């Protein structure tokens, strides 16, 4: 796309956050849950991590299932419909499938069009996805991009017998 005015001057396209949304599973896992089967307790976990509880999805809930309400809330907050966005970038390391991308699954569930792809970069994934979306907007390749970070570690990545890691991770989307 040409990023210039009618008189030939170059223009800079900028981006901003138009709306936000999130989704958390209903199931709350307290530190006492881990005390029931691991050599740990509430105070040990709090002292080392500051974590008192985390949210976990029920078995069978996929990343796209958790991301969908977060996306719908963000679109509503921005006063946009799925047809108004040019694409979706999803940051996740717990995709629904290897392919198609979780972004494509969300796109179908929303009834959106345009591009859709995942970014896999673990903890900094959302920042990379946001940066990619900003680049697409700044270059004129897109006007509105839905960016979502989502992971469901509890059913896919956590070793529930490893005290050093199972206490750390929860599930959520934003």
N, C-alpha and C. Protein backbone atom coordinates (compact mmCIF):
# COMPACT_ATOMS: atom_id res chain seq x y z
N UNK A 1 0.83 -1.18 0.00
CA UNK A 1 0.00 0.00 0.00
C UNK A 1 0.87 1.25 0.00
N UNK A 2 0.40 2.26 -0.63
CA UNK A 2 1.11 3.53 -0.70
C UNK A 2 0.79 4.37 0.53
N UNK A 3 1.83 4.75 1.26
CA UNK A 3 1.65 5.56 2.47
C UNK A 3 2.03 7.01 2.19
N UNK A 4 1.40 7.59 1.20
CA UNK A 4 1.70 8.99 0.90
C UNK A 4 0.41 9.76 0.69
N UNK A 5 0.51 11.07 0.91
CA UNK A 5 -0.61 11.98 0.70
C UNK A 5 -0.73 12.25 -0.80
N UNK A 6 -1.81 12.89 -1.18
CA UNK A 6 -2.02 13.23 -2.59
C UNK A 6 -0.90 14.10 -3.14
N UNK A 7 -0.30 14.93 -2.27
CA UNK A 7 0.77 15.81 -2.74
C UNK A 7 2.14 15.13 -2.72
N UNK A 8 2.17 13.81 -2.42
CA UNK A 8 3.41 13.06 -2.46
C UNK A 8 4.16 12.96 -1.15
N UNK A 9 3.73 13.72 -0.14
CA UNK A 9 4.40 13.63 1.15
C UNK A 9 4.10 12.28 1.79
N UNK A 10 5.11 11.72 2.43
CA UNK A 10 4.96 10.44 3.12
C UNK A 10 4.20 10.66 4.42
N UNK A 11 3.33 9.73 4.76
CA UNK A 11 2.61 9.80 6.02
C UNK A 11 2.97 8.59 6.87
N UNK A 12 2.89 8.75 8.16
CA UNK A 12 3.14 7.67 9.09
C UNK A 12 1.81 7.20 9.65
N UNK A 13 1.56 5.91 9.50
CA UNK A 13 0.34 5.33 10.06
C UNK A 13 0.66 4.92 11.50
N UNK A 14 -0.27 5.16 12.40
CA UNK A 14 -0.04 4.79 13.79
C UNK A 14 -1.13 3.83 14.25
N UNK A 15 -0.83 3.14 15.32
CA UNK A 15 -1.79 2.19 15.86
C UNK A 15 -2.06 2.53 17.33
N UNK A 16 -3.16 2.02 17.82
CA UNK A 16 -3.53 2.20 19.21
C UNK A 16 -4.43 1.04 19.62
N UNK A 17 -4.60 0.84 20.90
CA UNK A 17 -5.47 -0.22 21.41
C UNK A 17 -6.87 0.35 21.49
N UNK A 18 -7.78 -0.21 20.70
CA UNK A 18 -9.15 0.29 20.63
C UNK A 18 -10.08 -0.39 21.63
N UNK A 19 -9.73 -1.59 22.06
CA UNK A 19 -10.57 -2.31 22.99
C UNK A 19 -9.80 -3.44 23.64
N UNK A 20 -10.23 -3.84 24.82
CA UNK A 20 -9.58 -4.94 25.54
C UNK A 20 -10.64 -5.93 26.02
N UNK A 21 -10.21 -7.15 26.20
CA UNK A 21 -11.10 -8.19 26.72
C UNK A 21 -10.26 -9.31 27.30
N UNK A 22 -10.84 -10.08 28.18
CA UNK A 22 -10.13 -11.20 28.79
C UNK A 22 -11.12 -12.32 29.09
N UNK A 23 -10.57 -13.49 29.34
CA UNK A 23 -11.38 -14.63 29.78
C UNK A 23 -10.54 -15.49 30.72
N UNK A 24 -11.14 -15.87 31.82
CA UNK A 24 -10.50 -16.76 32.78
C UNK A 24 -11.41 -17.95 33.03
N UNK A 25 -10.82 -19.12 33.19
CA UNK A 25 -11.65 -20.28 33.54
C UNK A 25 -12.29 -20.08 34.91
N UNK A 26 -13.39 -20.74 35.12
CA UNK A 26 -14.09 -20.64 36.41
C UNK A 26 -13.37 -21.40 37.52
N UNK A 27 -12.69 -22.47 37.16
CA UNK A 27 -12.07 -23.35 38.16
C UNK A 27 -10.85 -22.68 38.79
N UNK A 28 -10.92 -22.47 40.11
CA UNK A 28 -9.84 -21.86 40.86
C UNK A 28 -9.05 -22.97 41.56
N UNK A 29 -7.74 -22.96 41.36
CA UNK A 29 -6.86 -23.94 42.00
C UNK A 29 -6.03 -23.21 43.05
N UNK A 30 -6.32 -23.50 44.31
CA UNK A 30 -5.58 -22.86 45.40
C UNK A 30 -4.28 -23.64 45.64
N UNK A 31 -3.40 -23.05 46.41
CA UNK A 31 -2.16 -23.73 46.76
C UNK A 31 -2.41 -24.99 47.57
N UNK A 32 -3.50 -25.02 48.31
CA UNK A 32 -3.82 -26.21 49.11
C UNK A 32 -4.05 -27.43 48.23
N UNK A 33 -4.49 -27.23 47.01
CA UNK A 33 -4.67 -28.35 46.07
C UNK A 33 -3.36 -29.13 45.93
N UNK A 34 -2.26 -28.41 45.77
CA UNK A 34 -0.96 -29.07 45.58
C UNK A 34 -0.48 -29.74 46.86
N UNK A 35 -0.85 -29.17 48.00
CA UNK A 35 -0.48 -29.77 49.29
C UNK A 35 -1.10 -31.15 49.47
N UNK A 36 -2.19 -31.41 48.76
CA UNK A 36 -2.88 -32.69 48.90
C UNK A 36 -2.11 -33.85 48.27
N UNK A 37 -1.16 -33.57 47.38
CA UNK A 37 -0.44 -34.68 46.76
C UNK A 37 1.06 -34.43 46.55
N UNK A 38 1.54 -33.23 46.85
CA UNK A 38 2.96 -32.92 46.71
C UNK A 38 3.53 -32.50 48.07
N UNK A 39 4.83 -32.58 48.20
CA UNK A 39 5.50 -32.12 49.41
C UNK A 39 5.63 -30.60 49.33
N UNK A 40 4.54 -29.91 49.63
CA UNK A 40 4.51 -28.45 49.60
C UNK A 40 3.37 -27.96 50.46
N UNK A 41 3.30 -26.67 50.63
CA UNK A 41 2.17 -26.08 51.35
C UNK A 41 1.97 -24.65 50.86
N UNK A 42 0.88 -24.06 51.29
CA UNK A 42 0.50 -22.73 50.84
C UNK A 42 1.61 -21.71 51.07
N UNK A 43 2.19 -21.70 52.26
CA UNK A 43 3.22 -20.71 52.58
C UNK A 43 4.48 -20.90 51.75
N UNK A 44 4.88 -22.15 51.51
CA UNK A 44 6.06 -22.43 50.69
C UNK A 44 5.89 -21.84 49.30
N UNK A 45 4.71 -22.02 48.71
CA UNK A 45 4.44 -21.50 47.37
C UNK A 45 4.40 -19.98 47.37
N UNK A 46 3.71 -19.39 48.34
CA UNK A 46 3.62 -17.92 48.43
C UNK A 46 5.00 -17.30 48.61
N UNK A 47 5.81 -17.89 49.50
CA UNK A 47 7.15 -17.35 49.77
C UNK A 47 8.02 -17.34 48.52
N UNK A 48 7.88 -18.34 47.67
CA UNK A 48 8.75 -18.46 46.52
C UNK A 48 8.20 -17.81 45.25
N UNK A 49 6.88 -17.68 45.18
CA UNK A 49 6.29 -17.19 43.92
C UNK A 49 5.34 -16.00 44.10
N UNK A 50 4.77 -15.86 45.28
CA UNK A 50 3.74 -14.84 45.49
C UNK A 50 2.37 -15.29 45.02
N UNK A 51 2.29 -16.49 44.45
CA UNK A 51 1.03 -17.00 43.90
C UNK A 51 0.18 -17.63 45.01
N UNK A 52 -1.09 -17.25 45.05
CA UNK A 52 -2.04 -17.83 46.00
C UNK A 52 -3.04 -18.76 45.32
N UNK A 53 -3.33 -18.48 44.08
CA UNK A 53 -4.25 -19.31 43.31
C UNK A 53 -4.01 -19.08 41.84
N UNK A 54 -4.51 -19.99 41.03
CA UNK A 54 -4.46 -19.86 39.59
C UNK A 54 -5.74 -20.44 39.03
N UNK A 55 -6.02 -20.15 37.76
CA UNK A 55 -7.23 -20.65 37.10
C UNK A 55 -6.84 -21.75 36.11
N UNK A 56 -7.63 -22.82 36.10
CA UNK A 56 -7.42 -23.91 35.15
C UNK A 56 -8.72 -24.21 34.42
N UNK A 57 -8.60 -24.52 33.15
CA UNK A 57 -9.76 -24.94 32.36
C UNK A 57 -10.15 -26.36 32.74
N UNK A 58 -11.36 -26.72 32.40
CA UNK A 58 -11.80 -28.10 32.54
C UNK A 58 -11.20 -28.91 31.39
N UNK A 59 -10.99 -30.20 31.58
CA UNK A 59 -10.47 -31.03 30.47
C UNK A 59 -11.37 -30.88 29.23
N UNK A 60 -10.73 -30.82 28.08
CA UNK A 60 -11.48 -30.70 26.82
C UNK A 60 -11.64 -29.27 26.34
N UNK A 61 -11.29 -28.28 27.16
CA UNK A 61 -11.38 -26.89 26.75
C UNK A 61 -10.09 -26.51 26.01
N UNK A 62 -10.24 -26.06 24.79
CA UNK A 62 -9.09 -25.72 23.95
C UNK A 62 -8.77 -24.23 24.07
N UNK A 63 -7.60 -23.86 23.59
CA UNK A 63 -7.18 -22.46 23.62
C UNK A 63 -8.19 -21.56 22.91
N UNK A 64 -8.70 -22.01 21.77
CA UNK A 64 -9.67 -21.18 21.04
C UNK A 64 -10.97 -21.01 21.83
N UNK A 65 -11.36 -22.03 22.59
CA UNK A 65 -12.57 -21.92 23.43
C UNK A 65 -12.40 -20.83 24.48
N UNK A 66 -11.21 -20.74 25.06
CA UNK A 66 -10.94 -19.72 26.08
C UNK A 66 -10.75 -18.34 25.45
N UNK A 67 -10.15 -18.31 24.27
CA UNK A 67 -9.87 -17.04 23.60
C UNK A 67 -11.12 -16.38 23.04
N UNK A 68 -12.09 -17.17 22.60
CA UNK A 68 -13.27 -16.61 21.95
C UNK A 68 -13.97 -15.54 22.78
N UNK A 69 -14.33 -15.78 24.05
CA UNK A 69 -14.99 -14.72 24.81
C UNK A 69 -14.09 -13.50 25.03
N UNK A 70 -12.78 -13.70 25.14
CA UNK A 70 -11.86 -12.56 25.28
C UNK A 70 -11.89 -11.72 24.01
N UNK A 71 -11.90 -12.37 22.86
CA UNK A 71 -11.97 -11.65 21.58
C UNK A 71 -13.30 -10.92 21.43
N UNK A 72 -14.38 -11.59 21.79
CA UNK A 72 -15.70 -10.95 21.69
C UNK A 72 -15.78 -9.72 22.60
N UNK A 73 -15.21 -9.82 23.80
CA UNK A 73 -15.21 -8.68 24.72
C UNK A 73 -14.37 -7.53 24.18
N UNK A 74 -13.21 -7.85 23.60
CA UNK A 74 -12.34 -6.81 23.04
C UNK A 74 -13.03 -6.11 21.86
N UNK A 75 -13.67 -6.88 21.00
CA UNK A 75 -14.39 -6.28 19.87
C UNK A 75 -15.54 -5.41 20.36
N UNK A 76 -16.28 -5.87 21.35
CA UNK A 76 -17.38 -5.07 21.90
C UNK A 76 -16.85 -3.79 22.54
N UNK A 77 -15.73 -3.91 23.26
CA UNK A 77 -15.14 -2.74 23.90
C UNK A 77 -14.69 -1.71 22.85
N UNK A 78 -14.23 -2.21 21.70
CA UNK A 78 -13.80 -1.32 20.61
C UNK A 78 -14.96 -0.89 19.73
N UNK A 79 -16.14 -1.40 20.01
CA UNK A 79 -17.33 -1.14 19.20
C UNK A 79 -17.11 -1.55 17.74
N UNK A 80 -16.55 -2.76 17.59
CA UNK A 80 -16.29 -3.32 16.27
C UNK A 80 -16.96 -4.68 16.15
N UNK A 81 -17.26 -5.05 14.93
CA UNK A 81 -17.78 -6.38 14.62
C UNK A 81 -16.66 -7.20 14.00
N UNK A 82 -16.76 -8.53 14.01
CA UNK A 82 -15.72 -9.34 13.39
C UNK A 82 -15.42 -8.95 11.94
N UNK A 83 -16.43 -8.50 11.21
CA UNK A 83 -16.22 -8.10 9.82
C UNK A 83 -15.36 -6.85 9.69
N UNK A 84 -15.19 -6.11 10.78
CA UNK A 84 -14.42 -4.86 10.76
C UNK A 84 -12.92 -5.06 10.88
N UNK A 85 -12.49 -6.27 11.25
CA UNK A 85 -11.05 -6.48 11.44
C UNK A 85 -10.44 -7.10 10.18
N UNK A 86 -9.18 -6.78 9.98
CA UNK A 86 -8.46 -7.28 8.80
C UNK A 86 -7.75 -8.59 9.07
N UNK A 87 -7.52 -8.91 10.32
CA UNK A 87 -6.84 -10.16 10.63
C UNK A 87 -6.71 -10.39 12.12
N UNK A 88 -6.21 -11.58 12.43
CA UNK A 88 -6.06 -12.02 13.81
C UNK A 88 -4.66 -12.59 14.01
N UNK A 89 -4.00 -12.14 15.07
CA UNK A 89 -2.70 -12.70 15.45
C UNK A 89 -2.86 -13.26 16.86
N UNK A 90 -2.56 -14.54 17.02
CA UNK A 90 -2.71 -15.21 18.31
C UNK A 90 -1.35 -15.62 18.84
N UNK A 91 -1.06 -15.26 20.07
CA UNK A 91 0.15 -15.70 20.75
C UNK A 91 -0.23 -16.87 21.65
N UNK A 92 0.34 -18.05 21.35
CA UNK A 92 0.07 -19.23 22.17
C UNK A 92 1.17 -20.26 21.99
N UNK A 93 1.42 -21.02 23.03
CA UNK A 93 2.27 -22.20 22.93
C UNK A 93 1.46 -23.45 23.22
N UNK A 94 0.15 -23.27 23.38
CA UNK A 94 -0.75 -24.40 23.61
C UNK A 94 -1.87 -24.36 22.57
N UNK A 95 -1.52 -24.47 21.29
CA UNK A 95 -2.52 -24.35 20.23
C UNK A 95 -3.52 -25.51 20.26
N UNK A 96 -4.67 -25.27 19.64
CA UNK A 96 -5.66 -26.33 19.51
C UNK A 96 -5.10 -27.51 18.72
N UNK A 97 -4.40 -27.19 17.63
CA UNK A 97 -3.82 -28.17 16.71
C UNK A 97 -2.47 -27.65 16.24
N UNK A 98 -1.69 -28.52 15.62
CA UNK A 98 -0.48 -28.06 14.96
C UNK A 98 -0.88 -27.19 13.78
N UNK A 99 -1.86 -27.65 13.02
CA UNK A 99 -2.49 -26.84 11.97
C UNK A 99 -3.91 -27.33 11.81
N UNK A 100 -4.86 -26.48 11.50
CA UNK A 100 -4.70 -25.05 11.23
C UNK A 100 -4.34 -24.31 12.52
N UNK A 101 -3.88 -23.08 12.34
CA UNK A 101 -3.49 -22.28 13.50
C UNK A 101 -4.71 -22.01 14.38
N UNK A 102 -4.45 -21.76 15.63
CA UNK A 102 -5.53 -21.41 16.56
C UNK A 102 -6.20 -20.12 16.11
N UNK A 103 -5.43 -19.22 15.50
CA UNK A 103 -6.01 -17.98 14.97
C UNK A 103 -7.06 -18.29 13.91
N UNK A 104 -6.82 -19.28 13.07
CA UNK A 104 -7.81 -19.67 12.06
C UNK A 104 -9.06 -20.25 12.70
N UNK A 105 -8.89 -21.01 13.77
CA UNK A 105 -10.03 -21.58 14.48
C UNK A 105 -10.86 -20.45 15.10
N UNK A 106 -10.19 -19.49 15.73
CA UNK A 106 -10.89 -18.34 16.32
C UNK A 106 -11.59 -17.54 15.23
N UNK A 107 -10.90 -17.35 14.12
CA UNK A 107 -11.48 -16.61 12.99
C UNK A 107 -12.79 -17.26 12.54
N UNK A 108 -12.80 -18.57 12.41
CA UNK A 108 -14.01 -19.28 12.00
C UNK A 108 -15.11 -19.15 13.05
N UNK A 109 -14.75 -19.26 14.33
CA UNK A 109 -15.74 -19.14 15.41
C UNK A 109 -16.35 -17.74 15.47
N UNK A 110 -15.53 -16.72 15.17
CA UNK A 110 -16.02 -15.34 15.17
C UNK A 110 -16.80 -15.00 13.90
N UNK A 111 -16.52 -15.72 12.81
CA UNK A 111 -17.09 -15.36 11.52
C UNK A 111 -16.34 -14.19 10.89
N UNK A 112 -15.05 -14.10 11.20
CA UNK A 112 -14.21 -13.01 10.68
C UNK A 112 -13.55 -13.44 9.37
N UNK A 113 -12.95 -12.49 8.70
CA UNK A 113 -12.22 -12.74 7.46
C UNK A 113 -10.83 -12.14 7.58
N UNK A 114 -10.02 -12.30 6.55
CA UNK A 114 -8.68 -11.73 6.52
C UNK A 114 -7.65 -12.75 6.92
N UNK A 115 -6.46 -12.27 7.28
CA UNK A 115 -5.38 -13.17 7.65
C UNK A 115 -5.57 -13.66 9.08
N UNK A 116 -4.94 -14.77 9.38
CA UNK A 116 -5.00 -15.33 10.72
C UNK A 116 -3.80 -16.25 10.90
N UNK A 117 -3.00 -15.96 11.93
CA UNK A 117 -1.84 -16.81 12.18
C UNK A 117 -1.44 -16.74 13.65
N UNK A 118 -0.66 -17.74 14.07
CA UNK A 118 -0.19 -17.82 15.45
C UNK A 118 1.26 -17.39 15.54
N UNK A 119 1.63 -16.90 16.72
CA UNK A 119 3.00 -16.60 17.08
C UNK A 119 3.32 -17.45 18.30
N UNK A 120 4.44 -18.17 18.25
CA UNK A 120 4.82 -19.04 19.35
C UNK A 120 6.12 -18.52 19.94
N UNK A 121 6.04 -17.80 21.03
CA UNK A 121 7.24 -17.24 21.66
C UNK A 121 7.15 -17.25 23.19
N UNK A 122 6.37 -18.14 23.73
CA UNK A 122 6.19 -18.37 25.17
C UNK A 122 5.88 -17.05 25.90
N UNK A 123 6.65 -16.71 26.90
CA UNK A 123 6.31 -15.59 27.78
C UNK A 123 6.20 -14.24 27.06
N UNK A 124 7.02 -14.01 26.06
CA UNK A 124 6.97 -12.73 25.36
C UNK A 124 6.10 -12.81 24.10
N UNK A 125 5.37 -13.90 23.93
CA UNK A 125 4.55 -14.10 22.74
C UNK A 125 3.56 -12.99 22.46
N UNK A 126 2.85 -12.52 23.49
CA UNK A 126 1.88 -11.46 23.26
C UNK A 126 2.57 -10.19 22.78
N UNK A 127 3.72 -9.88 23.35
CA UNK A 127 4.44 -8.68 22.91
C UNK A 127 4.86 -8.80 21.45
N UNK A 128 5.32 -9.97 21.05
CA UNK A 128 5.69 -10.18 19.64
C UNK A 128 4.46 -10.09 18.75
N UNK A 129 3.35 -10.71 19.16
CA UNK A 129 2.12 -10.65 18.36
C UNK A 129 1.65 -9.21 18.21
N UNK A 130 1.71 -8.47 19.29
CA UNK A 130 1.32 -7.06 19.27
C UNK A 130 2.23 -6.26 18.34
N UNK A 131 3.51 -6.55 18.41
CA UNK A 131 4.49 -5.87 17.57
C UNK A 131 4.27 -6.17 16.09
N UNK A 132 3.96 -7.42 15.78
CA UNK A 132 3.67 -7.80 14.39
C UNK A 132 2.42 -7.06 13.90
N UNK A 133 1.39 -7.03 14.73
CA UNK A 133 0.16 -6.32 14.36
C UNK A 133 0.44 -4.84 14.13
N UNK A 134 1.23 -4.25 14.99
CA UNK A 134 1.58 -2.84 14.84
C UNK A 134 2.33 -2.61 13.54
N UNK A 135 3.22 -3.53 13.19
CA UNK A 135 3.96 -3.43 11.93
C UNK A 135 3.05 -3.53 10.71
N UNK A 136 2.06 -4.41 10.79
CA UNK A 136 1.10 -4.55 9.68
C UNK A 136 0.29 -3.26 9.50
N UNK A 137 -0.05 -2.64 10.61
CA UNK A 137 -0.80 -1.38 10.55
C UNK A 137 0.10 -0.25 10.04
N UNK A 138 1.30 -0.15 10.60
CA UNK A 138 2.22 0.93 10.22
C UNK A 138 2.60 0.85 8.74
N UNK A 139 2.66 -0.36 8.19
CA UNK A 139 3.04 -0.52 6.79
C UNK A 139 1.85 -0.35 5.85
N UNK A 140 0.65 -0.21 6.42
CA UNK A 140 -0.54 -0.04 5.60
C UNK A 140 -1.15 -1.34 5.10
N UNK A 141 -0.64 -2.47 5.58
CA UNK A 141 -1.18 -3.75 5.15
C UNK A 141 -2.47 -4.13 5.87
N UNK A 142 -2.75 -3.45 6.97
CA UNK A 142 -3.97 -3.71 7.73
C UNK A 142 -4.36 -2.43 8.46
N UNK A 143 -5.66 -2.30 8.75
CA UNK A 143 -6.14 -1.17 9.54
C UNK A 143 -6.48 -1.59 10.96
N UNK A 144 -7.09 -2.77 11.08
CA UNK A 144 -7.52 -3.25 12.39
C UNK A 144 -7.11 -4.72 12.55
N UNK A 145 -6.36 -5.00 13.60
CA UNK A 145 -5.88 -6.35 13.85
C UNK A 145 -6.28 -6.75 15.27
N UNK A 146 -6.88 -7.92 15.39
CA UNK A 146 -7.23 -8.47 16.69
C UNK A 146 -6.05 -9.30 17.18
N UNK A 147 -5.51 -8.93 18.33
CA UNK A 147 -4.37 -9.64 18.92
C UNK A 147 -4.86 -10.30 20.20
N UNK A 148 -4.56 -11.58 20.36
CA UNK A 148 -4.96 -12.28 21.58
C UNK A 148 -3.83 -13.19 22.04
N UNK A 149 -3.59 -13.16 23.34
CA UNK A 149 -2.68 -14.12 23.96
C UNK A 149 -3.53 -15.12 24.72
N UNK A 150 -3.25 -16.40 24.52
CA UNK A 150 -4.04 -17.44 25.19
C UNK A 150 -3.17 -18.67 25.42
N UNK A 151 -3.31 -19.25 26.59
CA UNK A 151 -2.66 -20.54 26.86
C UNK A 151 -3.50 -21.34 27.83
N UNK A 152 -3.46 -22.64 27.62
CA UNK A 152 -4.13 -23.60 28.51
C UNK A 152 -3.08 -24.64 28.94
N UNK A 153 -2.21 -24.18 29.82
CA UNK A 153 -1.12 -25.02 30.29
C UNK A 153 -1.62 -26.22 31.10
N UNK A 154 -2.69 -26.06 31.84
CA UNK A 154 -3.11 -27.07 32.81
C UNK A 154 -3.41 -28.42 32.18
N UNK A 155 -3.89 -28.43 30.95
CA UNK A 155 -4.27 -29.70 30.32
C UNK A 155 -3.27 -30.16 29.27
N UNK A 156 -2.23 -29.35 29.02
CA UNK A 156 -1.36 -29.74 27.92
C UNK A 156 0.13 -29.70 28.23
N UNK A 157 0.58 -28.85 29.10
CA UNK A 157 2.02 -28.64 29.26
C UNK A 157 2.55 -28.96 30.65
N UNK A 158 1.72 -28.89 31.64
CA UNK A 158 2.20 -29.00 33.02
C UNK A 158 2.46 -30.45 33.38
N UNK A 159 3.61 -30.69 34.01
CA UNK A 159 3.88 -31.96 34.66
C UNK A 159 3.35 -31.80 36.08
N UNK A 160 2.21 -32.38 36.35
CA UNK A 160 1.52 -32.18 37.63
C UNK A 160 2.26 -32.80 38.81
N UNK A 161 3.34 -33.55 38.54
CA UNK A 161 4.13 -34.13 39.62
C UNK A 161 5.40 -33.32 39.92
N UNK A 162 5.65 -32.29 39.14
CA UNK A 162 6.85 -31.46 39.32
C UNK A 162 6.51 -30.23 40.15
N UNK A 163 6.85 -30.29 41.43
CA UNK A 163 6.53 -29.21 42.36
C UNK A 163 7.12 -27.88 41.92
N UNK A 164 8.25 -27.90 41.25
CA UNK A 164 8.92 -26.68 40.85
C UNK A 164 8.22 -25.93 39.72
N UNK A 165 7.37 -26.61 38.95
CA UNK A 165 6.71 -25.92 37.83
C UNK A 165 5.18 -25.98 37.87
N UNK A 166 4.61 -27.06 38.39
CA UNK A 166 3.14 -27.18 38.31
C UNK A 166 2.43 -26.11 39.12
N UNK A 167 3.09 -25.55 40.11
CA UNK A 167 2.49 -24.50 40.95
C UNK A 167 2.46 -23.14 40.25
N UNK A 168 3.20 -23.00 39.15
CA UNK A 168 3.39 -21.69 38.52
C UNK A 168 2.33 -21.31 37.51
N UNK A 169 1.81 -22.27 36.78
CA UNK A 169 1.05 -21.95 35.57
C UNK A 169 -0.45 -22.05 35.70
N UNK A 170 -1.12 -21.07 35.11
CA UNK A 170 -2.57 -21.07 35.02
C UNK A 170 -2.97 -20.90 33.57
N UNK A 171 -4.25 -20.81 33.34
CA UNK A 171 -4.82 -20.67 32.00
C UNK A 171 -5.54 -19.34 31.91
N UNK A 172 -5.52 -18.75 30.72
CA UNK A 172 -6.24 -17.49 30.54
C UNK A 172 -6.07 -16.96 29.13
N UNK A 173 -6.85 -15.93 28.82
CA UNK A 173 -6.80 -15.30 27.50
C UNK A 173 -7.04 -13.81 27.66
N UNK A 174 -6.38 -13.03 26.82
CA UNK A 174 -6.58 -11.59 26.83
C UNK A 174 -6.19 -10.96 25.52
